Amino acid sequence: MIEKLVAIKDRFEEVGQLLVQPDAMSDMKAYSKLSKEYKDLEKIVKVYDEYQNVIDNIASAKEVLQTEKDEEFREMAKMELDELVPREETLEAEIKVLLIPKDPDDQKDVIMEIRAGAGGDEAAIFAGDLYRMYDRFIETKGWSKELISLSEASSGGFKEIVFGVSGDDVYGSLKFESGVHRVQRVPVTESQGRVHTSAASVAVLPEVDEVDFELNMKDVKKDTYRSSGAGGQHVNKTESAVRLTHLPTNTVVECQDGRSQHKNYDKALQVLRSRLYEKELKKQQDEIASDRKSLVGSGDRSDKIRTYNYPQGRVTDHRISYSVHNLPTVMDGQLADFIENLRIAENADKLQDGSLE
């Protein structure tokens, strides 16, 4: 572990020198990449410096105990060791977590898709509730959101809604939300007061560009059609909506949110690229972990990941057997507690596998 930390510190100092070169900002893309690397390495180096200092002080205190005859000095050395040894253990644990390989997609923006599942009208209403929950969470994080497409349900909520989210560490936070979310409550349409169970699926796709995923445009069929829904006369007069079909996989993406066909095409292409990238990524992950899936990292949409029980005011994440009894607060966008516990579980899972950089 020490060898890895020394190598990281060397690289940190090297990147620091590169950033202050006179021509460093001539290539802003490269400069931005170096700045991000410097920031990431700095977190590890700061902990490593403190760890190294603690180890040196422990060695000095032990030397005092071995060589010093004065009881006052020996007592001071013992007191120092009582503080330093637990700190060494804490820092070691921190370093192990910091050395866990980072998911290269964690810093990416995302495309989120929420779809009503089993449960009819109530499932669509619940999909709308989930969208509001994420909308408020996104607002608290200071991220930005862009609507891509939606299909409203007649009784409220959405059959489907797709939107983009951009900001810092977006995928790293929201990737845990992929899966089936289940709600247990009395629907507004229920006259007998019986509790029903409905579901909605959430997909969180890391945004990708041509560098991340090469898409052969010969495999993509483009169709245009008139948008439906709000938009006035413009909706009825122009074919601004775009439908893209990836012929080899029969993956279909539609976008009709913008008035410009060109903008809708760009958005649809981004979603298509992300969906195909996710499929390829999942295929690779399944091959790598065919004998054992990660505790929270599979993101399988068929997994029921969380239940929102309204009668009991409880929200339970089934992947980590974690429950809270503040459902209204969670539905108001307070998801940080769940995300933090899921991150801890994921890191513990990786540590168990011995996954250090």
Protein backbone atom coordinates (compact mmCIF):
# COMPACT_ATOMS: atom_id res chain seq x y z
CA MET A 1 0.00 0.00 0.00
CA ILE A 2 2.84 2.39 0.87
CA GLU A 3 4.41 1.86 -2.57
CA LYS A 4 1.12 2.83 -4.23
CA LEU A 5 0.86 5.94 -2.05
CA VAL A 6 4.42 7.02 -2.89
CA ALA A 7 3.66 6.60 -6.61
CA ILE A 8 0.48 8.65 -6.22
CA LYS A 9 2.35 11.44 -4.44
CA ASP A 10 5.01 11.48 -7.18
CA ARG A 11 2.30 11.77 -9.83
CA PHE A 12 0.56 14.50 -7.81
CA GLU A 13 3.75 16.59 -7.76
CA GLU A 14 4.31 15.91 -11.47
CA VAL A 15 0.78 17.08 -12.36
CA GLY A 16 1.27 20.16 -10.17
CA GLN A 17 4.34 21.08 -12.21
CA LEU A 18 2.52 20.51 -15.50
CA LEU A 19 -0.30 22.84 -14.43
CA VAL A 20 2.05 25.79 -13.86
CA GLN A 21 3.85 25.47 -17.19
CA PRO A 22 3.52 28.65 -19.36
CA ASP A 23 1.71 26.80 -22.14
CA ALA A 24 -0.49 24.71 -19.82
CA MET A 25 -3.70 26.51 -20.82
CA SER A 26 -3.08 26.38 -24.57
CA ASP A 27 -5.10 23.16 -24.68
CA MET A 28 -8.06 23.76 -22.37
CA LYS A 29 -9.35 20.19 -22.67
CA ALA A 30 -6.00 18.77 -21.53
CA TYR A 31 -5.70 21.46 -18.82
CA SER A 32 -9.16 20.63 -17.47
CA LYS A 33 -8.27 16.92 -17.39
CA LEU A 34 -5.04 17.65 -15.50
CA SER A 35 -6.84 19.93 -13.03
CA LYS A 36 -9.35 17.19 -12.27
CA GLU A 37 -6.56 14.62 -11.82
CA TYR A 38 -4.74 17.02 -9.48
CA LYS A 39 -7.87 17.50 -7.37
CA ASP A 40 -8.52 13.75 -7.15
CA LEU A 41 -4.91 12.96 -6.22
CA GLU A 42 -4.82 15.79 -3.68
CA LYS A 43 -7.48 14.06 -1.55
CA ILE A 44 -5.31 10.94 -1.27
CA VAL A 45 -2.04 12.83 -0.77
CA LYS A 46 -3.45 14.89 2.12
CA VAL A 47 -4.50 11.75 3.99
CA TYR A 48 -1.21 10.02 3.13
CA ASP A 49 0.84 12.96 4.49
CA GLU A 50 -1.06 12.84 7.78
CA TYR A 51 -0.71 9.03 7.87
CA GLN A 52 3.04 9.27 7.33
CA ASN A 53 3.31 11.90 10.07
CA VAL A 54 1.36 9.68 12.49
CA ILE A 55 3.60 6.67 11.72
CA ASP A 56 6.74 8.77 12.33
CA ASN A 57 5.35 10.05 15.65
CA ILE A 58 4.42 6.51 16.73
CA ALA A 59 8.00 5.38 16.00
CA SER A 60 9.38 8.31 18.02
CA ALA A 61 7.08 7.59 20.98
CA LYS A 62 8.07 3.90 20.98
CA GLU A 63 11.73 4.87 20.91
CA VAL A 64 11.18 7.09 23.98
CA LEU A 65 9.61 4.14 25.83
CA GLN A 66 12.58 1.92 24.95
CA THR A 67 15.38 4.37 25.80
CA GLU A 68 14.07 6.99 28.23
CA LYS A 69 14.43 6.45 31.98
CA ASP A 70 12.54 9.57 33.09
CA GLU A 71 9.03 8.49 34.11
CA GLU A 72 7.48 11.82 33.13
CA PHE A 73 8.77 11.50 29.56
CA ARG A 74 7.66 7.85 29.42
CA GLU A 75 4.16 8.79 30.58
CA MET A 76 3.91 11.49 27.92
CA ALA A 77 5.00 8.96 25.26
CA LYS A 78 2.32 6.49 26.45
CA MET A 79 -0.39 9.17 26.27
CA GLU A 80 0.77 10.10 22.78
CA LEU A 81 0.59 6.47 21.65
CA ASP A 82 -2.94 6.15 23.07
CA GLU A 83 -3.99 8.94 20.68
CA LEU A 84 -1.83 8.02 17.69
CA VAL A 85 -2.54 4.28 17.34
CA PRO A 86 -6.33 4.67 16.88
CA ARG A 87 -5.67 7.57 14.48
CA GLU A 88 -3.33 5.34 12.45
CA GLU A 89 -6.08 2.71 12.14
CA THR A 90 -8.65 5.35 11.09
CA LEU A 91 -6.34 6.80 8.44
CA GLU A 92 -5.50 3.33 7.12
CA ALA A 93 -9.20 2.62 6.64
CA GLU A 94 -9.67 5.99 4.90
CA ILE A 95 -6.75 5.31 2.56
CA LYS A 96 -8.10 1.88 1.62
CA VAL A 97 -11.39 3.47 0.59
CA LEU A 98 -9.59 6.24 -1.34
CA LEU A 99 -7.53 3.63 -3.20
CA ILE A 100 -10.58 1.74 -4.44
CA PRO A 101 -10.64 2.11 -8.25
CA LYS A 102 -13.04 4.86 -9.25
CA ASP A 103 -15.78 4.14 -11.75
CA PRO A 104 -14.68 6.19 -14.80
CA ASP A 105 -18.32 7.07 -15.42
CA ASP A 106 -18.91 8.58 -11.94
CA GLN A 107 -18.08 12.13 -13.07
CA LYS A 108 -20.35 11.97 -16.11
CA ASP A 109 -23.71 13.65 -16.58
CA VAL A 110 -26.67 11.32 -16.90
CA ILE A 111 -29.87 10.63 -18.75
CA MET A 112 -32.65 9.42 -16.45
CA GLU A 113 -35.68 7.48 -17.62
CA ILE A 114 -38.69 6.87 -15.37
CA ARG A 115 -41.42 4.52 -16.61
CA ALA A 116 -44.70 3.43 -15.05
CA GLY A 117 -44.78 -0.34 -14.44
CA ALA A 118 -47.39 -2.68 -12.99
CA GLY A 119 -50.30 -0.91 -11.35
CA GLY A 120 -52.13 1.01 -14.07
CA ASP A 121 -53.04 4.62 -13.24
CA GLU A 122 -51.45 4.39 -9.79
CA ALA A 123 -48.10 3.34 -11.33
CA ALA A 124 -48.16 6.42 -13.58
CA ILE A 125 -48.96 8.67 -10.59
CA PHE A 126 -46.08 7.07 -8.68
CA ALA A 127 -43.74 7.66 -11.65
CA GLY A 128 -44.72 11.34 -11.37
CA ASP A 129 -43.97 11.27 -7.62
CA LEU A 130 -40.52 9.80 -8.30
CA TYR A 131 -39.84 12.48 -10.89
CA ARG A 132 -40.71 15.22 -8.36
CA MET A 133 -38.50 13.50 -5.76
CA TYR A 134 -35.50 13.50 -8.13
CA ASP A 135 -36.29 17.04 -9.31
CA ARG A 136 -36.03 18.32 -5.72
CA PHE A 137 -32.87 16.28 -5.05
CA ILE A 138 -31.28 17.71 -8.21
CA GLU A 139 -32.19 21.22 -7.03
CA THR A 140 -30.57 20.69 -3.60
CA LYS A 141 -27.37 19.50 -5.30
CA GLY A 142 -27.22 22.59 -7.53
CA TRP A 143 -27.28 20.44 -10.68
CA SER A 144 -29.13 21.39 -13.86
CA LYS A 145 -31.90 19.40 -15.54
CA GLU A 146 -33.14 19.30 -19.14
CA LEU A 147 -36.34 17.60 -20.24
CA ILE A 148 -35.91 15.29 -23.24
CA SER A 149 -39.30 13.63 -23.68
CA LEU A 150 -42.41 12.73 -21.74
CA SER A 151 -45.67 10.87 -22.11
CA GLU A 152 -48.33 12.01 -19.64
CA ALA A 153 -50.96 9.67 -18.22
CA SER A 154 -54.64 10.58 -18.34
CA SER A 155 -55.10 10.34 -14.56
CA GLY A 156 -51.90 12.22 -13.68
CA GLY A 157 -48.22 11.38 -13.56
CA PHE A 158 -46.29 9.90 -16.46
CA LYS A 159 -46.27 6.78 -18.54
CA GLU A 160 -42.66 7.74 -19.28
CA ILE A 161 -40.39 10.72 -18.73
CA VAL A 162 -36.80 11.15 -19.90
CA PHE A 163 -34.50 13.98 -18.79
CA GLY A 164 -30.82 14.87 -18.62
CA VAL A 165 -28.95 15.90 -15.46
CA SER A 166 -25.59 17.68 -15.45
CA GLY A 167 -23.26 18.73 -12.64
CA ASP A 168 -20.48 17.34 -10.42
CA ASP A 169 -20.37 13.59 -9.71
CA VAL A 170 -23.90 13.13 -11.08
CA TYR A 171 -23.63 9.51 -12.23
CA GLY A 172 -21.61 8.63 -9.11
CA SER A 173 -24.60 9.71 -6.98
CA LEU A 174 -27.58 8.70 -9.10
CA LYS A 175 -26.36 5.34 -10.47
CA PHE A 176 -27.75 3.60 -7.38
CA GLU A 177 -31.28 4.64 -8.37
CA SER A 178 -31.43 2.26 -11.36
CA GLY A 179 -33.98 -0.48 -10.83
CA VAL A 180 -37.62 -1.08 -9.93
CA HIS A 181 -39.14 1.17 -7.26
CA ARG A 182 -42.25 -0.17 -5.54
CA VAL A 183 -44.97 1.79 -3.76
CA GLN A 184 -47.53 0.48 -1.25
CA ARG A 185 -50.42 2.84 -0.53
CA VAL A 186 -54.14 3.45 -0.97
CA PRO A 187 -54.60 4.91 -4.49
CA VAL A 188 -56.78 8.00 -4.88
CA THR A 189 -59.01 5.91 -7.16
CA GLU A 190 -59.55 3.21 -4.49
CA SER A 191 -62.99 3.50 -2.89
CA GLN A 192 -62.58 0.64 -0.40
CA GLY A 193 -59.45 2.01 1.25
CA ARG A 194 -57.35 -1.02 0.31
CA VAL A 195 -53.57 -0.77 0.03
CA HIS A 196 -52.28 -1.49 -3.49
CA THR A 197 -48.77 -2.26 -4.68
CA SER A 198 -47.56 -0.54 -7.85
CA ALA A 199 -44.17 -0.06 -9.44
CA ALA A 200 -42.12 2.21 -11.67
CA SER A 201 -38.70 1.58 -13.19
CA VAL A 202 -35.82 4.03 -13.13
CA ALA A 203 -32.85 3.86 -15.49
CA VAL A 204 -29.78 6.06 -14.98
CA LEU A 205 -27.55 6.14 -18.05
CA PRO A 206 -24.14 7.85 -18.11
CA GLU A 207 -24.01 10.38 -20.95
CA VAL A 208 -21.48 9.41 -23.57
CA ASP A 209 -20.02 11.05 -26.63
CA GLU A 210 -18.35 9.72 -29.75
CA VAL A 211 -15.06 9.24 -27.90
CA ASP A 212 -16.69 6.89 -25.36
CA PHE A 213 -18.84 4.93 -27.78
CA GLU A 214 -18.52 4.68 -31.53
CA LEU A 215 -21.95 4.58 -33.16
CA ASN A 216 -22.17 3.58 -36.82
CA MET A 217 -24.74 5.99 -38.25
CA LYS A 218 -25.44 3.53 -41.10
CA ASP A 219 -27.16 1.41 -38.45
CA VAL A 220 -29.48 4.25 -37.40
CA LYS A 221 -32.84 4.89 -39.09
CA LYS A 222 -34.29 8.39 -38.67
CA ASP A 223 -38.03 9.20 -38.82
CA THR A 224 -39.74 12.54 -38.23
CA TYR A 225 -43.33 13.17 -37.18
CA ARG A 226 -45.55 15.85 -35.71
CA SER A 227 -45.24 16.40 -31.97
CA SER A 228 -48.19 15.69 -29.72
CA GLY A 229 -49.19 17.50 -26.55
CA ALA A 230 -48.66 21.13 -25.56
CA GLY A 231 -47.24 23.52 -28.13
CA GLY A 232 -50.13 25.28 -29.87
CA GLN A 233 -50.35 25.60 -33.65
CA HIS A 234 -46.65 24.93 -34.12
CA VAL A 235 -47.16 21.33 -32.99
CA ASN A 236 -49.68 20.70 -35.75
CA LYS A 237 -47.72 22.31 -38.60
CA THR A 238 -44.16 20.97 -38.37
CA GLU A 239 -42.59 17.54 -38.16
CA SER A 240 -40.16 18.52 -35.41
CA ALA A 241 -40.35 15.26 -33.43
CA VAL A 242 -37.61 12.71 -34.14
CA ARG A 243 -37.57 8.92 -33.83
CA LEU A 244 -34.25 7.07 -34.10
CA THR A 245 -34.04 3.27 -34.46
CA HIS A 246 -30.80 1.36 -34.02
CA LEU A 247 -31.44 -1.46 -36.47
CA PRO A 248 -29.02 -4.13 -35.11
CA THR A 249 -30.52 -3.98 -31.60
CA ASN A 250 -33.97 -2.55 -32.45
CA THR A 251 -33.41 0.18 -29.83
CA VAL A 252 -35.89 3.02 -30.39
CA VAL A 253 -35.53 6.58 -29.05
CA GLU A 254 -38.01 9.42 -29.51
CA CYS A 255 -37.67 13.12 -28.74
CA GLN A 256 -40.35 15.77 -29.25
CA ASP A 257 -39.67 18.25 -26.47
CA GLY A 258 -38.01 20.97 -28.54
CA ARG A 259 -39.51 22.91 -31.43
CA SER A 260 -36.39 22.43 -33.53
CA GLN A 261 -36.04 19.14 -35.38
CA HIS A 262 -32.27 19.58 -35.26
CA LYS A 263 -32.26 19.94 -31.45
CA ASN A 264 -34.59 16.98 -31.03
CA TYR A 265 -32.31 14.92 -33.28
CA ASP A 266 -29.24 15.82 -31.17
CA LYS A 267 -31.04 14.92 -27.93
CA ALA A 268 -32.36 11.63 -29.36
CA LEU A 269 -28.89 10.73 -30.62
CA GLN A 270 -27.43 11.39 -27.15
CA VAL A 271 -30.03 9.13 -25.52
CA LEU A 272 -29.48 6.40 -28.13
CA ARG A 273 -25.72 6.51 -27.61
CA SER A 274 -26.17 6.29 -23.83
CA ARG A 275 -28.57 3.35 -24.02
CA LEU A 276 -26.27 1.39 -26.34
CA TYR A 277 -23.26 2.25 -24.17
CA GLU A 278 -25.11 1.01 -21.08
CA LYS A 279 -25.95 -2.29 -22.82
CA GLU A 280 -22.31 -2.79 -23.81
CA LEU A 281 -21.14 -1.81 -20.30
CA LYS A 282 -23.55 -4.26 -18.66
CA LYS A 283 -22.39 -7.02 -20.98
CA GLN A 284 -18.78 -6.39 -19.93
CA GLN A 285 -19.70 -6.24 -16.23
CA ASP A 286 -21.62 -9.53 -16.48
CA GLU A 287 -18.61 -11.18 -18.10
CA ILE A 288 -16.24 -9.86 -15.43
CA ALA A 289 -18.51 -10.79 -12.51
CA SER A 290 -20.32 -13.80 -13.95
CA ASP A 291 -19.85 -15.79 -10.74
CA ARG A 292 -20.77 -12.98 -8.35
CA LYS A 293 -22.64 -9.72 -8.83
CA SER A 294 -21.71 -6.61 -6.89
CA LEU A 295 -23.93 -5.82 -3.92
CA VAL A 296 -25.22 -2.53 -5.29
CA GLY A 297 -23.42 -2.08 -8.57
CA SER A 298 -25.39 -4.33 -10.94
CA GLY A 299 -28.05 -1.69 -11.69
CA ASP A 300 -30.26 -4.42 -13.13
CA ARG A 301 -33.60 -2.85 -14.00
CA SER A 302 -35.43 -6.06 -13.11
CA ASP A 303 -34.24 -5.81 -9.49
CA LYS A 304 -36.76 -4.42 -6.99
CA ILE A 305 -34.44 -2.06 -5.21
CA ARG A 306 -36.66 0.06 -2.96
CA THR A 307 -40.13 0.06 -1.41
CA TYR A 308 -42.06 3.17 -0.37
CA ASN A 309 -44.64 2.09 2.21
CA TYR A 310 -47.07 4.96 2.85
CA PRO A 311 -49.22 3.41 5.64
CA GLN A 312 -46.09 2.85 7.73
CA GLY A 313 -44.25 5.98 6.53
CA ARG A 314 -41.30 3.74 5.72
CA VAL A 315 -38.78 3.57 2.86
CA THR A 316 -36.67 0.42 2.55
CA ASP A 317 -33.71 -0.21 0.27
CA HIS A 318 -33.62 -3.98 -0.23
CA ARG A 319 -30.04 -4.15 -1.50
CA ILE A 320 -28.59 -3.09 1.84
CA SER A 321 -31.58 -3.87 4.10
CA TYR A 322 -31.71 -0.22 5.15
CA SER A 323 -34.96 1.44 6.27
CA VAL A 324 -35.98 4.92 7.36
CA HIS A 325 -39.32 6.07 8.75
CA ASN A 326 -39.41 9.54 7.21
CA LEU A 327 -41.12 8.84 3.89
CA PRO A 328 -42.42 12.42 3.34
CA THR A 329 -38.88 13.78 3.73
CA VAL A 330 -37.50 11.24 1.24
CA MET A 331 -40.24 12.05 -1.28
CA ASP A 332 -39.26 15.70 -0.86
CA GLY A 333 -35.85 14.89 -2.32
CA GLN A 334 -33.82 14.04 0.78
CA LEU A 335 -31.93 11.08 -0.74
CA ALA A 336 -28.44 11.80 0.57
CA ASP A 337 -28.75 9.29 3.43
CA PHE A 338 -29.61 6.42 1.08
CA ILE A 339 -26.89 7.35 -1.41
CA GLU A 340 -24.24 7.59 1.31
CA ASN A 341 -25.15 4.16 2.73
CA LEU A 342 -25.16 2.63 -0.76
CA ARG A 343 -21.71 4.11 -1.44
CA ILE A 344 -20.43 2.64 1.85
CA ALA A 345 -21.88 -0.76 0.91
CA GLU A 346 -20.34 -0.61 -2.55
CA ASN A 347 -16.92 0.33 -1.13
CA ALA A 348 -17.11 -2.45 1.46
CA ASP A 349 -17.98 -4.90 -1.30
CA LYS A 350 -14.98 -3.77 -3.38
CA LEU A 351 -12.66 -3.97 -0.35
CA GLN A 352 -13.82 -7.52 0.28
CA ASP A 353 -12.81 -8.33 -3.29
CA GLY A 354 -9.41 -6.75 -2.68
CA SER A 355 -10.09 -4.10 -5.32
CA LEU A 356 -7.39 -1.52 -4.62
CA GLU A 357 -5.70 0.63 -7.25
